[in-house]
PDB file of N, CA and C in Angstrom:
ATOM      1  N   MET A   1     -40.869  66.877 -55.440  1.00  0.00           N
ATOM      2  CA  MET A   1     -41.545  66.626 -54.184  1.00  0.00           C
ATOM      3  C   MET A   1     -40.545  66.501 -53.029  1.00  0.00           C
ATOM      4  N   ILE A   2     -39.513  65.707 -53.207  1.00  0.00           N
ATOM      5  CA  ILE A   2     -38.500  65.536 -52.167  1.00  0.00           C
ATOM      6  C   ILE A   2     -37.701  66.824 -51.988  1.00  0.00           C
ATOM      7  N   GLU A   3     -37.460  67.514 -53.089  1.00  0.00           N
ATOM      8  CA  GLU A   3     -36.641  68.730 -53.036  1.00  0.00           C
ATOM      9  C   GLU A   3     -37.216  69.775 -52.086  1.00  0.00           C
ATOM     10  N   HIS A   4     -38.537  69.870 -52.017  1.00  0.00           N
ATOM     11  CA  HIS A   4     -39.178  70.894 -51.194  1.00  0.00           C
ATOM     12  C   HIS A   4     -39.722  70.350 -49.877  1.00  0.00           C
ATOM     13  N   HIS A   5     -39.373  69.128 -49.538  1.00  0.00           N
ATOM     14  CA  HIS A   5     -39.828  68.524 -48.278  1.00  0.00           C
ATOM     15  C   HIS A   5     -39.156  69.246 -47.109  1.00  0.00           C
ATOM     16  N   PRO A   6     -39.886  69.486 -46.009  1.00  0.00           N
ATOM     17  CA  PRO A   6     -39.285  70.218 -44.877  1.00  0.00           C
ATOM     18  C   PRO A   6     -38.212  69.434 -44.109  1.00  0.00           C
ATOM     19  N   HIS A   7     -38.243  68.098 -44.185  1.00  0.00           N
ATOM     20  CA  HIS A   7     -37.232  67.297 -43.498  1.00  0.00           C
ATOM     21  C   HIS A   7     -36.000  67.113 -44.378  1.00  0.00           C
ATOM     22  N   ALA A   8     -34.867  66.937 -43.724  1.00  0.00           N
ATOM     23  CA  ALA A   8     -33.620  66.669 -44.435  1.00  0.00           C
ATOM     24  C   ALA A   8     -33.683  65.257 -45.014  1.00  0.00           C
ATOM     25  N   ILE A   9     -33.427  65.135 -46.312  1.00  0.00           N
ATOM     26  CA  ILE A   9     -33.505  63.840 -46.999  1.00  0.00           C
ATOM     27  C   ILE A   9     -32.239  63.633 -47.820  1.00  0.00           C
ATOM     28  N   PHE A  10     -31.704  62.400 -47.750  1.00  0.00           N
ATOM     29  CA  PHE A  10     -30.596  62.052 -48.629  1.00  0.00           C
ATOM     30  C   PHE A  10     -30.712  60.604 -49.068  1.00  0.00           C
ATOM     31  N   LEU A  11     -29.994  60.278 -50.140  1.00  0.00           N
ATOM     32  CA  LEU A  11     -29.947  58.941 -50.710  1.00  0.00           C
ATOM     33  C   LEU A  11     -28.501  58.466 -50.609  1.00  0.00           C
ATOM     34  N   ALA A  12     -28.284  57.308 -49.952  1.00  0.00           N
ATOM     35  CA  ALA A  12     -26.932  56.771 -49.776  1.00  0.00           C
ATOM     36  C   ALA A  12     -26.796  55.451 -50.523  1.00  0.00           C
ATOM     37  N   ASP A  13     -25.616  55.221 -51.077  1.00  0.00           N
ATOM     38  CA  ASP A  13     -25.364  53.965 -51.786  1.00  0.00           C
ATOM     39  C   ASP A  13     -24.874  52.884 -50.817  1.00  0.00           C
ATOM     40  N   HIS A  14     -24.512  51.717 -51.364  1.00  0.00           N
ATOM     41  CA  HIS A  14     -24.091  50.583 -50.532  1.00  0.00           C
ATOM     42  C   HIS A  14     -22.784  50.845 -49.781  1.00  0.00           C
ATOM     43  N   ASN A  15     -22.027  51.851 -50.199  1.00  0.00           N
ATOM     44  CA  ASN A  15     -20.797  52.238 -49.497  1.00  0.00           C
ATOM     45  C   ASN A  15     -21.051  53.339 -48.472  1.00  0.00           C
ATOM     46  N   LEU A  16     -22.332  53.622 -48.225  1.00  0.00           N
ATOM     47  CA  LEU A  16     -22.779  54.639 -47.267  1.00  0.00           C
ATOM     48  C   LEU A  16     -22.471  56.061 -47.722  1.00  0.00           C
ATOM     49  N   LYS A  17     -22.137  56.242 -48.993  1.00  0.00           N
ATOM     50  CA  LYS A  17     -21.828  57.562 -49.542  1.00  0.00           C
ATOM     51  C   LYS A  17     -23.111  58.227 -50.046  1.00  0.00           C
ATOM     52  N   ILE A  18     -23.240  59.509 -49.797  1.00  0.00           N
ATOM     53  CA  ILE A  18     -24.432  60.254 -50.206  1.00  0.00           C
ATOM     54  C   ILE A  18     -24.361  60.555 -51.695  1.00  0.00           C
ATOM     55  N   LYS A  19     -25.452  60.197 -52.399  1.00  0.00           N
ATOM     56  CA  LYS A  19     -25.529  60.390 -53.843  1.00  0.00           C
ATOM     57  C   LYS A  19     -26.531  61.469 -54.236  1.00  0.00           C
ATOM     58  N   TYR A  20     -27.481  61.763 -53.366  1.00  0.00           N
ATOM     59  CA  TYR A  20     -28.476  62.805 -53.620  1.00  0.00           C
ATOM     60  C   TYR A  20     -28.899  63.379 -52.272  1.00  0.00           C
ATOM     61  N   PHE A  21     -29.273  64.642 -52.262  1.00  0.00           N
ATOM     62  CA  PHE A  21     -29.808  65.265 -51.048  1.00  0.00           C
ATOM     63  C   PHE A  21     -30.708  66.426 -51.447  1.00  0.00           C
ATOM     64  N   ASN A  22     -31.608  66.794 -50.544  1.00  0.00           N
ATOM     65  CA  ASN A  22     -32.478  67.928 -50.822  1.00  0.00           C
ATOM     66  C   ASN A  22     -31.938  69.185 -50.137  1.00  0.00           C
ATOM     67  N   LYS A  23     -32.578  70.309 -50.417  1.00  0.00           N
ATOM     68  CA  LYS A  23     -32.144  71.603 -49.868  1.00  0.00           C
ATOM     69  C   LYS A  23     -32.207  71.606 -48.340  1.00  0.00           C
ATOM     70  N   SER A  24     -33.210  70.944 -47.769  1.00  0.00           N
ATOM     71  CA  SER A  24     -33.324  70.872 -46.308  1.00  0.00           C
ATOM     72  C   SER A  24     -32.120  70.157 -45.700  1.00  0.00           C
ATOM     73  N   PHE A  25     -31.613  69.125 -46.386  1.00  0.00           N
ATOM     74  CA  PHE A  25     -30.420  68.432 -45.889  1.00  0.00           C
ATOM     75  C   PHE A  25     -29.204  69.353 -45.948  1.00  0.00           C
ATOM     76  N   GLN A  26     -29.084  70.102 -47.026  1.00  0.00           N
ATOM     77  CA  GLN A  26     -27.963  71.030 -47.146  1.00  0.00           C
ATOM     78  C   GLN A  26     -28.037  72.104 -46.057  1.00  0.00           C
ATOM     79  N   ASN A  27     -29.233  72.608 -45.779  1.00  0.00           N
ATOM     80  CA  ASN A  27     -29.404  73.585 -44.698  1.00  0.00           C
ATOM     81  C   ASN A  27     -29.088  72.962 -43.341  1.00  0.00           C
ATOM     82  N   PHE A  28     -29.505  71.719 -43.152  1.00  0.00           N
ATOM     83  CA  PHE A  28     -29.271  70.990 -41.908  1.00  0.00           C
ATOM     84  C   PHE A  28     -27.773  70.802 -41.646  1.00  0.00           C
ATOM     85  N   THR A  29     -27.025  70.446 -42.682  1.00  0.00           N
ATOM     86  CA  THR A  29     -25.589  70.186 -42.525  1.00  0.00           C
ATOM     87  C   THR A  29     -24.742  71.451 -42.602  1.00  0.00           C
ATOM     88  N   LYS A  30     -25.310  72.502 -43.192  1.00  0.00           N
ATOM     89  CA  LYS A  30     -24.570  73.760 -43.390  1.00  0.00           C
ATOM     90  C   LYS A  30     -23.287  73.517 -44.193  1.00  0.00           C
ATOM     91  N   ARG A  31     -23.422  72.714 -45.249  1.00  0.00           N
ATOM     92  CA  ARG A  31     -22.280  72.358 -46.099  1.00  0.00           C
ATOM     93  C   ARG A  31     -22.582  72.678 -47.560  1.00  0.00           C
ATOM     94  N   GLU A  32     -21.520  72.830 -48.328  1.00  0.00           N
ATOM     95  CA  GLU A  32     -21.632  73.018 -49.770  1.00  0.00           C
ATOM     96  C   GLU A  32     -21.853  71.658 -50.432  1.00  0.00           C
ATOM     97  N   LYS A  33     -22.389  71.681 -51.650  1.00  0.00           N
ATOM     98  CA  LYS A  33     -22.671  70.441 -52.379  1.00  0.00           C
ATOM     99  C   LYS A  33     -21.431  69.551 -52.486  1.00  0.00           C
ATOM    100  N   SER A  34     -20.283  70.153 -52.781  1.00  0.00           N
ATOM    101  CA  SER A  34     -19.049  69.368 -52.940  1.00  0.00           C
ATOM    102  C   SER A  34     -18.591  68.721 -51.633  1.00  0.00           C
ATOM    103  N   GLU A  35     -19.056  69.236 -50.510  1.00  0.00           N
ATOM    104  CA  GLU A  35     -18.709  68.664 -49.209  1.00  0.00           C
ATOM    105  C   GLU A  35     -19.683  67.556 -48.795  1.00  0.00           C
ATOM    106  N   ILE A  36     -20.747  67.360 -49.597  1.00  0.00           N
ATOM    107  CA  ILE A  36     -21.779  66.369 -49.275  1.00  0.00           C
ATOM    108  C   ILE A  36     -21.705  65.158 -50.201  1.00  0.00           C
ATOM    109  N   ILE A  37     -21.749  65.408 -51.510  1.00  0.00           N
ATOM    110  CA  ILE A  37     -21.779  64.321 -52.493  1.00  0.00           C
ATOM    111  C   ILE A  37     -20.546  63.422 -52.332  1.00  0.00           C
ATOM    112  N   ASP A  38     -20.794  62.122 -52.299  1.00  0.00           N
ATOM    113  CA  ASP A  38     -19.759  61.090 -52.176  1.00  0.00           C
ATOM    114  C   ASP A  38     -19.026  61.097 -50.835  1.00  0.00           C
ATOM    115  N   HIS A  39     -19.671  61.667 -49.814  1.00  0.00           N
ATOM    116  CA  HIS A  39     -19.136  61.616 -48.454  1.00  0.00           C
ATOM    117  C   HIS A  39     -20.155  60.906 -47.567  1.00  0.00           C
ATOM    118  N   GLU A  40     -19.683  60.341 -46.450  1.00  0.00           N
ATOM    119  CA  GLU A  40     -20.573  59.663 -45.508  1.00  0.00           C
ATOM    120  C   GLU A  40     -21.261  60.672 -44.600  1.00  0.00           C
ATOM    121  N   PHE A  41     -22.465  60.323 -44.147  1.00  0.00           N
ATOM    122  CA  PHE A  41     -23.253  61.186 -43.267  1.00  0.00           C
ATOM    123  C   PHE A  41     -22.443  61.630 -42.049  1.00  0.00           C
ATOM    124  N   CYS A  42     -21.834  60.680 -41.357  1.00  0.00           N
ATOM    125  CA  CYS A  42     -21.107  61.002 -40.120  1.00  0.00           C
ATOM    126  C   CYS A  42     -19.892  61.879 -40.389  1.00  0.00           C
ATOM    127  N   GLU A  43     -19.303  61.725 -41.553  1.00  0.00           N
ATOM    128  CA  GLU A  43     -18.177  62.567 -41.956  1.00  0.00           C
ATOM    129  C   GLU A  43     -18.657  64.000 -42.193  1.00  0.00           C
ATOM    130  N   ILE A  44     -19.780  64.140 -42.863  1.00  0.00           N
ATOM    131  CA  ILE A  44     -20.351  65.455 -43.159  1.00  0.00           C
ATOM    132  C   ILE A  44     -20.772  66.163 -41.882  1.00  0.00           C
ATOM    133  N   MET A  45     -21.407  65.407 -40.998  1.00  0.00           N
ATOM    134  CA  MET A  45     -21.928  65.991 -39.760  1.00  0.00           C
ATOM    135  C   MET A  45     -20.842  66.241 -38.719  1.00  0.00           C
ATOM    136  N   GLY A  46     -19.686  65.635 -38.881  1.00  0.00           N
ATOM    137  CA  GLY A  46     -18.624  65.811 -37.896  1.00  0.00           C
ATOM    138  C   GLY A  46     -18.912  65.061 -36.615  1.00  0.00           C
ATOM    139  N   CYS A  47     -19.272  63.795 -36.745  1.00  0.00           N
ATOM    140  CA  CYS A  47     -19.583  62.968 -35.579  1.00  0.00           C
ATOM    141  C   CYS A  47     -18.435  63.032 -34.573  1.00  0.00           C
ATOM    142  N   ALA A  48     -18.755  63.402 -33.348  1.00  0.00           N
ATOM    143  CA  ALA A  48     -17.744  63.549 -32.300  1.00  0.00           C
ATOM    144  C   ALA A  48     -17.177  62.204 -31.857  1.00  0.00           C
ATOM    145  N   GLU A  49     -17.856  61.111 -32.203  1.00  0.00           N
ATOM    146  CA  GLU A  49     -17.398  59.771 -31.814  1.00  0.00           C
ATOM    147  C   GLU A  49     -16.537  59.124 -32.890  1.00  0.00           C
ATOM    148  N   ARG A  50     -16.558  59.682 -34.098  1.00  0.00           N
ATOM    149  CA  ARG A  50     -15.866  59.087 -35.238  1.00  0.00           C
ATOM    150  C   ARG A  50     -14.382  58.893 -34.933  1.00  0.00           C
ATOM    151  N   GLY A  51     -13.933  57.650 -35.013  1.00  0.00           N
ATOM    152  CA  GLY A  51     -12.532  57.343 -34.809  1.00  0.00           C
ATOM    153  C   GLY A  51     -12.123  57.137 -33.359  1.00  0.00           C
ATOM    154  N   LYS A  52     -13.031  57.387 -32.419  1.00  0.00           N
ATOM    155  CA  LYS A  52     -12.706  57.155 -31.009  1.00  0.00           C
ATOM    156  C   LYS A  52     -12.745  55.661 -30.714  1.00  0.00           C
ATOM    157  N   VAL A  53     -11.984  55.241 -29.768  1.00  0.00           N
ATOM    158  CA  VAL A  53     -11.973  53.836 -29.367  1.00  0.00           C
ATOM    159  C   VAL A  53     -13.092  53.606 -28.357  1.00  0.00           C
ATOM    160  N   ALA A  54     -14.003  52.685 -28.678  1.00  0.00           N
ATOM    161  CA  ALA A  54     -15.107  52.358 -27.781  1.00  0.00           C
ATOM    162  C   ALA A  54     -14.734  51.182 -26.887  1.00  0.00           C
ATOM    163  N   MET A  55     -13.996  50.244 -27.435  1.00  0.00           N
ATOM    164  CA  MET A  55     -13.492  49.110 -26.668  1.00  0.00           C
ATOM    165  C   MET A  55     -12.027  48.940 -27.064  1.00  0.00           C
ATOM    166  N   GLN A  56     -11.348  48.071 -26.419  1.00  0.00           N
ATOM    167  CA  GLN A  56      -9.916  47.938 -26.684  1.00  0.00           C
ATOM    168  C   GLN A  56      -9.600  47.608 -28.136  1.00  0.00           C
ATOM    169  N   SER A  57     -10.412  46.780 -28.779  1.00  0.00           N
ATOM    170  CA  SER A  57     -10.064  46.345 -30.130  1.00  0.00           C
ATOM    171  C   SER A  57     -10.973  46.897 -31.225  1.00  0.00           C
ATOM    172  N   ASP A  58     -12.048  47.561 -30.869  1.00  0.00           N
ATOM    173  CA  ASP A  58     -12.984  48.060 -31.878  1.00  0.00           C
ATOM    174  C   ASP A  58     -13.063  49.572 -31.842  1.00  0.00           C
ATOM    175  N   ASP A  59     -13.331  50.172 -32.994  1.00  0.00           N
ATOM    176  CA  ASP A  59     -13.604  51.594 -32.976  1.00  0.00           C
ATOM    177  C   ASP A  59     -15.115  51.807 -32.979  1.00  0.00           C
ATOM    178  N   PHE A  60     -15.531  52.992 -32.593  1.00  0.00           N
ATOM    179  CA  PHE A  60     -16.942  53.312 -32.415  1.00  0.00           C
ATOM    180  C   PHE A  60     -17.750  53.091 -33.695  1.00  0.00           C
ATOM    181  N   CYS A  61     -17.180  53.432 -34.842  1.00  0.00           N
ATOM    182  CA  CYS A  61     -17.908  53.348 -36.111  1.00  0.00           C
ATOM    183  C   CYS A  61     -18.424  51.936 -36.399  1.00  0.00           C
ATOM    184  N   LYS A  62     -17.690  50.915 -35.964  1.00  0.00           N
ATOM    185  CA  LYS A  62     -18.121  49.536 -36.206  1.00  0.00           C
ATOM    186  C   LYS A  62     -19.390  49.199 -35.445  1.00  0.00           C
ATOM    187  N   MET A  63     -19.664  49.930 -34.355  1.00  0.00           N
ATOM    188  CA  MET A  63     -20.850  49.663 -33.543  1.00  0.00           C
ATOM    189  C   MET A  63     -21.915  50.750 -33.694  1.00  0.00           C
ATOM    190  N   CYS A  64     -21.694  51.689 -34.583  1.00  0.00           N
ATOM    191  CA  CYS A  64     -22.571  52.849 -34.737  1.00  0.00           C
ATOM    192  C   CYS A  64     -23.943  52.454 -35.283  1.00  0.00           C
ATOM    193  N   GLN A  65     -24.985  52.911 -34.608  1.00  0.00           N
ATOM    194  CA  GLN A  65     -26.352  52.608 -35.044  1.00  0.00           C
ATOM    195  C   GLN A  65     -26.668  53.264 -36.386  1.00  0.00           C
ATOM    196  N   MET A  66     -26.109  54.443 -36.640  1.00  0.00           N
ATOM    197  CA  MET A  66     -26.352  55.121 -37.915  1.00  0.00           C
ATOM    198  C   MET A  66     -25.765  54.315 -39.063  1.00  0.00           C
ATOM    199  N   ARG A  67     -24.573  53.791 -38.884  1.00  0.00           N
ATOM    200  CA  ARG A  67     -23.964  52.955 -39.926  1.00  0.00           C
ATOM    201  C   ARG A  67     -24.781  51.685 -40.143  1.00  0.00           C
ATOM    202  N   GLU A  68     -25.281  51.108 -39.057  1.00  0.00           N
ATOM    203  CA  GLU A  68     -26.119  49.915 -39.157  1.00  0.00           C
ATOM    204  C   GLU A  68     -27.388  50.232 -39.943  1.00  0.00           C
ATOM    205  N   LEU A  69     -27.965  51.374 -39.663  1.00  0.00           N
ATOM    206  CA  LEU A  69     -29.177  51.812 -40.347  1.00  0.00           C
ATOM    207  C   LEU A  69     -28.932  51.959 -41.847  1.00  0.00           C
ATOM    208  N   LEU A  70     -27.825  52.569 -42.222  1.00  0.00           N
ATOM    209  CA  LEU A  70     -27.512  52.807 -43.630  1.00  0.00           C
ATOM    210  C   LEU A  70     -27.018  51.570 -44.359  1.00  0.00           C
ATOM    211  N   SER A  71     -26.516  50.598 -43.627  1.00  0.00           N
ATOM    212  CA  SER A  71     -25.927  49.419 -44.262  1.00  0.00           C
ATOM    213  C   SER A  71     -26.960  48.441 -44.812  1.00  0.00           C
ATOM    214  N   GLY A  72     -28.233  48.693 -44.543  1.00  0.00           N
ATOM    215  CA  GLY A  72     -29.259  47.826 -45.089  1.00  0.00           C
ATOM    216  C   GLY A  72     -29.763  46.783 -44.129  1.00  0.00           C
ATOM    217  N   SER A  73     -29.458  46.942 -42.857  1.00  0.00           N
ATOM    218  CA  SER A  73     -29.964  45.995 -41.862  1.00  0.00           C
ATOM    219  C   SER A  73     -31.483  46.115 -41.785  1.00  0.00           C
ATOM    220  N   ASN A  74     -32.097  45.293 -40.981  1.00  0.00           N
ATOM    221  CA  ASN A  74     -33.553  45.341 -40.835  1.00  0.00           C
ATOM    222  C   ASN A  74     -34.024  46.570 -40.071  1.00  0.00           C
ATOM    223  N   LEU A  75     -33.099  47.268 -39.451  1.00  0.00           N
ATOM    224  CA  LEU A  75     -33.411  48.498 -38.744  1.00  0.00           C
ATOM    225  C   LEU A  75     -33.869  49.549 -39.754  1.00  0.00           C
ATOM    226  N   SER A  76     -35.023  50.175 -39.520  1.00  0.00           N
ATOM    227  CA  SER A  76     -35.510  51.174 -40.468  1.00  0.00           C
ATOM    228  C   SER A  76     -35.870  52.493 -39.801  1.00  0.00           C
ATOM    229  N   GLU A  77     -35.750  52.542 -38.487  1.00  0.00           N
ATOM    230  CA  GLU A  77     -36.094  53.761 -37.759  1.00  0.00           C
ATOM    231  C   GLU A  77     -35.160  53.874 -36.556  1.00  0.00           C
ATOM    232  N   LEU A  78     -34.777  55.102 -36.235  1.00  0.00           N
ATOM    233  CA  LEU A  78     -33.790  55.288 -35.179  1.00  0.00           C
ATOM    234  C   LEU A  78     -33.958  56.647 -34.522  1.00  0.00           C
ATOM    235  N   GLU A  79     -33.908  56.654 -33.205  1.00  0.00           N
ATOM    236  CA  GLU A  79     -33.794  57.894 -32.433  1.00  0.00           C
ATOM    237  C   GLU A  79     -32.318  58.000 -32.086  1.00  0.00           C
ATOM    238  N   LEU A  80     -31.671  59.040 -32.549  1.00  0.00           N
ATOM    239  CA  LEU A  80     -30.231  59.177 -32.359  1.00  0.00           C
ATOM    240  C   LEU A  80     -29.923  60.462 -31.598  1.00  0.00           C
ATOM    241  N   ILE A  81     -29.288  60.308 -30.458  1.00  0.00           N
ATOM    242  CA  ILE A  81     -28.814  61.461 -29.694  1.00  0.00           C
ATOM    243  C   ILE A  81     -27.298  61.352 -29.704  1.00  0.00           C
ATOM    244  N   ARG A  82     -26.655  62.292 -30.368  1.00  0.00           N
ATOM    245  CA  ARG A  82     -25.216  62.170 -30.598  1.00  0.00           C
ATOM    246  C   ARG A  82     -24.590  63.555 -30.648  1.00  0.00           C
ATOM    247  N   ASP A  83     -23.342  63.626 -30.235  1.00  0.00           N
ATOM    248  CA  ASP A  83     -22.582  64.870 -30.338  1.00  0.00           C
ATOM    249  C   ASP A  83     -21.952  64.968 -31.719  1.00  0.00           C
ATOM    250  N   PHE A  84     -22.043  66.173 -32.300  1.00  0.00           N
ATOM    251  CA  PHE A  84     -21.430  66.470 -33.591  1.00  0.00           C
ATOM    252  C   PHE A  84     -20.626  67.754 -33.459  1.00  0.00           C
ATOM    253  N   TYR A  85     -19.590  67.878 -34.277  1.00  0.00           N
ATOM    254  CA  TYR A  85     -18.838  69.126 -34.339  1.00  0.00           C
ATOM    255  C   TYR A  85     -19.498  70.024 -35.376  1.00  0.00           C
ATOM    256  N   VAL A  86     -20.012  71.165 -34.934  1.00  0.00           N
ATOM    257  CA  VAL A  86     -20.630  72.138 -35.825  1.00  0.00           C
ATOM    258  C   VAL A  86     -19.893  73.455 -35.610  1.00  0.00           C
ATOM    259  N   HIS A  87     -19.217  73.930 -36.645  1.00  0.00           N
ATOM    260  CA  HIS A  87     -18.422  75.163 -36.563  1.00  0.00           C
ATOM    261  C   HIS A  87     -17.457  75.116 -35.377  1.00  0.00           C
ATOM    262  N   ASN A  88     -16.746  74.006 -35.254  1.00  0.00           N
ATOM    263  CA  ASN A  88     -15.721  73.789 -34.220  1.00  0.00           C
ATOM    264  C   ASN A  88     -16.259  73.771 -32.794  1.00  0.00           C
ATOM    265  N   LYS A  89     -17.555  73.558 -32.636  1.00  0.00           N
ATOM    266  CA  LYS A  89     -18.158  73.415 -31.308  1.00  0.00           C
ATOM    267  C   LYS A  89     -18.898  72.087 -31.258  1.00  0.00           C
ATOM    268  N   VAL A  90     -18.885  71.446 -30.093  1.00  0.00           N
ATOM    269  CA  VAL A  90     -19.632  70.199 -29.931  1.00  0.00           C
ATOM    270  C   VAL A  90     -21.089  70.550 -29.655  1.00  0.00           C
ATOM    271  N   VAL A  91     -21.981  70.007 -30.489  1.00  0.00           N
ATOM    272  CA  VAL A  91     -23.416  70.245 -30.368  1.00  0.00           C
ATOM    273  C   VAL A  91     -24.111  68.891 -30.258  1.00  0.00           C
ATOM    274  N   THR A  92     -24.975  68.735 -29.264  1.00  0.00           N
ATOM    275  CA  THR A  92     -25.746  67.500 -29.125  1.00  0.00           C
ATOM    276  C   THR A  92     -27.002  67.612 -29.969  1.00  0.00           C
ATOM    277  N   LYS A  93     -27.168  66.680 -30.901  1.00  0.00           N
ATOM    278  CA  LYS A  93     -28.333  66.652 -31.789  1.00  0.00           C
ATOM    279  C   LYS A  93     -29.259  65.518 -31.375  1.00  0.00           C
ATOM    280  N   HIS A  94     -30.552  65.785 -31.422  1.00  0.00           N
ATOM    281  CA  HIS A  94     -31.593  64.791 -31.175  1.00  0.00           C
ATOM    282  C   HIS A  94     -32.291  64.564 -32.514  1.00  0.00           C
ATOM    283  N   LEU A  95     -32.023  63.427 -33.140  1.00  0.00           N
ATOM    284  CA  LEU A  95     -32.522  63.155 -34.488  1.00  0.00           C
ATOM    285  C   LEU A  95     -33.456  61.952 -34.500  1.00  0.00           C
ATOM    286  N   HIS A  96     -34.548  62.076 -35.255  1.00  0.00           N
ATOM    287  CA  HIS A  96     -35.413  60.933 -35.551  1.00  0.00           C
ATOM    288  C   HIS A  96     -35.160  60.618 -37.023  1.00  0.00           C
ATOM    289  N   ILE A  97     -34.732  59.389 -37.295  1.00  0.00           N
ATOM    290  CA  ILE A  97     -34.318  59.013 -38.645  1.00  0.00           C
ATOM    291  C   ILE A  97     -35.129  57.824 -39.131  1.00  0.00           C
ATOM    292  N   ASP A  98     -35.711  57.965 -40.319  1.00  0.00           N
ATOM    293  CA  ASP A  98     -36.429  56.879 -40.996  1.00  0.00           C
ATOM    294  C   ASP A  98     -35.672  56.541 -42.271  1.00  0.00           C
ATOM    295  N   THR A  99     -35.555  55.250 -42.575  1.00  0.00           N
ATOM    296  CA  THR A  99     -34.917  54.850 -43.826  1.00  0.00           C
ATOM    297  C   THR A  99     -35.824  53.907 -44.607  1.00  0.00           C
ATOM    298  N   HIS A 100     -35.630  53.924 -45.908  1.00  0.00           N
ATOM    299  CA  HIS A 100     -36.401  53.074 -46.812  1.00  0.00           C
ATOM    300  C   HIS A 100     -35.450  52.529 -47.868  1.00  0.00           C
ATOM    301  N   ARG A 101     -35.615  51.277 -48.204  1.00  0.00           N
ATOM    302  CA  ARG A 101     -34.819  50.675 -49.273  1.00  0.00           C
ATOM    303  C   ARG A 101     -35.382  51.135 -50.610  1.00  0.00           C
ATOM    304  N   VAL A 102     -34.467  51.492 -51.509  1.00  0.00           N
ATOM    305  CA  VAL A 102     -34.860  51.977 -52.828  1.00  0.00           C
ATOM    306  C   VAL A 102     -33.992  51.269 -53.863  1.00  0.00           C
ATOM    307  N   LEU A 103     -34.614  50.841 -54.960  1.00  0.00           N
ATOM    308  CA  LEU A 103     -33.890  50.237 -56.072  1.00  0.00           C
ATOM    309  C   LEU A 103     -34.093  51.133 -57.287  1.00  0.00           C
ATOM    310  N   MET A 104     -32.995  51.689 -57.804  1.00  0.00           N
ATOM    311  CA  MET A 104     -33.074  52.558 -58.979  1.00  0.00           C
ATOM    312  C   MET A 104     -32.029  52.133 -59.991  1.00  0.00           C
ATOM    313  N   GLN A 105     -32.464  51.894 -61.204  1.00  0.00           N
ATOM    314  CA  GLN A 105     -31.576  51.517 -62.303  1.00  0.00           C
ATOM    315  C   GLN A 105     -30.634  50.379 -61.907  1.00  0.00           C
ATOM    316  N   GLY A 106     -31.184  49.408 -61.175  1.00  0.00           N
ATOM    317  CA  GLY A 106     -30.429  48.231 -60.781  1.00  0.00           C
ATOM    318  C   GLY A 106     -29.499  48.416 -59.593  1.00  0.00           C
ATOM    319  N   HIS A 107     -29.509  49.590 -58.985  1.00  0.00           N
ATOM    320  CA  HIS A 107     -28.646  49.862 -57.830  1.00  0.00           C
ATOM    321  C   HIS A 107     -29.487  50.017 -56.573  1.00  0.00           C
ATOM    322  N   LYS A 108     -28.959  49.497 -55.451  1.00  0.00           N
ATOM    323  CA  LYS A 108     -29.656  49.596 -54.169  1.00  0.00           C
ATOM    324  C   LYS A 108     -29.188  50.839 -53.417  1.00  0.00           C
ATOM    325  N   TYR A 109     -30.161  51.545 -52.855  1.00  0.00           N
ATOM    326  CA  TYR A 109     -29.884  52.750 -52.080  1.00  0.00           C
ATOM    327  C   TYR A 109     -30.714  52.731 -50.805  1.00  0.00           C
ATOM    328  N   ARG A 110     -30.365  53.629 -49.889  1.00  0.00           N
ATOM    329  CA  ARG A 110     -31.171  53.889 -48.699  1.00  0.00           C
ATOM    330  C   ARG A 110     -31.626  55.335 -48.790  1.00  0.00           C
ATOM    331  N   LEU A 111     -32.943  55.515 -48.764  1.00  0.00           N
ATOM    332  CA  LEU A 111     -33.527  56.848 -48.698  1.00  0.00           C
ATOM    333  C   LEU A 111     -33.666  57.174 -47.218  1.00  0.00           C
ATOM    334  N   VAL A 112     -33.064  58.262 -46.789  1.00  0.00           N
ATOM    335  CA  VAL A 112     -33.009  58.615 -45.374  1.00  0.00           C
ATOM    336  C   VAL A 112     -33.721  59.940 -45.143  1.00  0.00           C
ATOM    337  N   VAL A 113     -34.649  59.931 -44.191  1.00  0.00           N
ATOM    338  CA  VAL A 113     -35.404  61.133 -43.823  1.00  0.00           C
ATOM    339  C   VAL A 113     -35.055  61.470 -42.379  1.00  0.00           C
ATOM    340  N   ILE A 114     -34.567  62.686 -42.165  1.00  0.00           N
ATOM    341  CA  ILE A 114     -34.122  63.104 -40.834  1.00  0.00           C
ATOM    342  C   ILE A 114     -35.000  64.231 -40.315  1.00  0.00           C
ATOM    343  N   ASP A 115     -35.548  64.011 -39.137  1.00  0.00           N
ATOM    344  CA  ASP A 115     -36.291  65.051 -38.430  1.00  0.00           C
ATOM    345  C   ASP A 115     -35.408  65.495 -37.268  1.00  0.00           C
ATOM    346  N   ASP A 116     -34.867  66.702 -37.366  1.00  0.00           N
ATOM    347  CA  ASP A 116     -34.010  67.240 -36.304  1.00  0.00           C
ATOM    348  C   ASP A 116     -34.912  67.783 -35.206  1.00  0.00           C
ATOM    349  N   ARG A 117     -34.989  67.058 -34.106  1.00  0.00           N
ATOM    350  CA  ARG A 117     -35.863  67.428 -32.992  1.00  0.00           C
ATOM    351  C   ARG A 117     -35.107  68.187 -31.898  1.00  0.00           C
ATOM    352  N   THR A 118     -33.896  68.565 -32.172  1.00  0.00           N
ATOM    353  CA  THR A 118     -33.068  69.263 -31.188  1.00  0.00           C
ATOM    354  C   THR A 118     -33.747  70.530 -30.696  1.00  0.00           C
ATOM    355  N   GLN A 119     -34.170  71.374 -31.601  1.00  0.00           N
ATOM    356  CA  GLN A 119     -34.793  72.651 -31.241  1.00  0.00           C
ATOM    357  C   GLN A 119     -36.152  72.456 -30.593  1.00  0.00           C
ATOM    358  N   LYS A 120     -36.858  71.413 -30.979  1.00  0.00           N
ATOM    359  CA  LYS A 120     -38.214  71.166 -30.482  1.00  0.00           C
ATOM    360  C   LYS A 120     -38.228  70.740 -29.019  1.00  0.00           C
ATOM    361  N   LEU A 121     -37.081  70.259 -28.525  1.00  0.00           N
ATOM    362  CA  LEU A 121     -37.004  69.769 -27.152  1.00  0.00           C
ATOM    363  C   LEU A 121     -36.764  70.883 -26.147  1.00  0.00           C
ATOM    364  N   PHE A 122     -36.347  72.048 -26.645  1.00  0.00           N
ATOM    365  CA  PHE A 122     -35.989  73.124 -25.716  1.00  0.00           C
ATOM    366  C   PHE A 122     -36.903  74.311 -25.839  1.00  0.00           C
TER     367      PHE A 122
END
């Protein structure tokens, strides 16, 4: 059921690493399986803010709403407008993201559903 869902879906562990994804997610990221499994979403997507200094003592990732969403906070839905590097070009993505807590075989995960609304806005 998830495999054929039209939205990009992935399952992340407590370290924010992707453990499962559907074909729509692979198409969305334009990456090979080995470039997705056990990597973080922002790393896979090429977040243009990753590693940039947002304030004098903090880096952007510590304040990132996507990381907060995946870390298990009470936040379960997010509209994210962010620049990503796609094929060495900066592309602004408009994403609607829903997350759900999942417990499987004693391990906690976040099930993430991404609706890429970038194309729908133009």
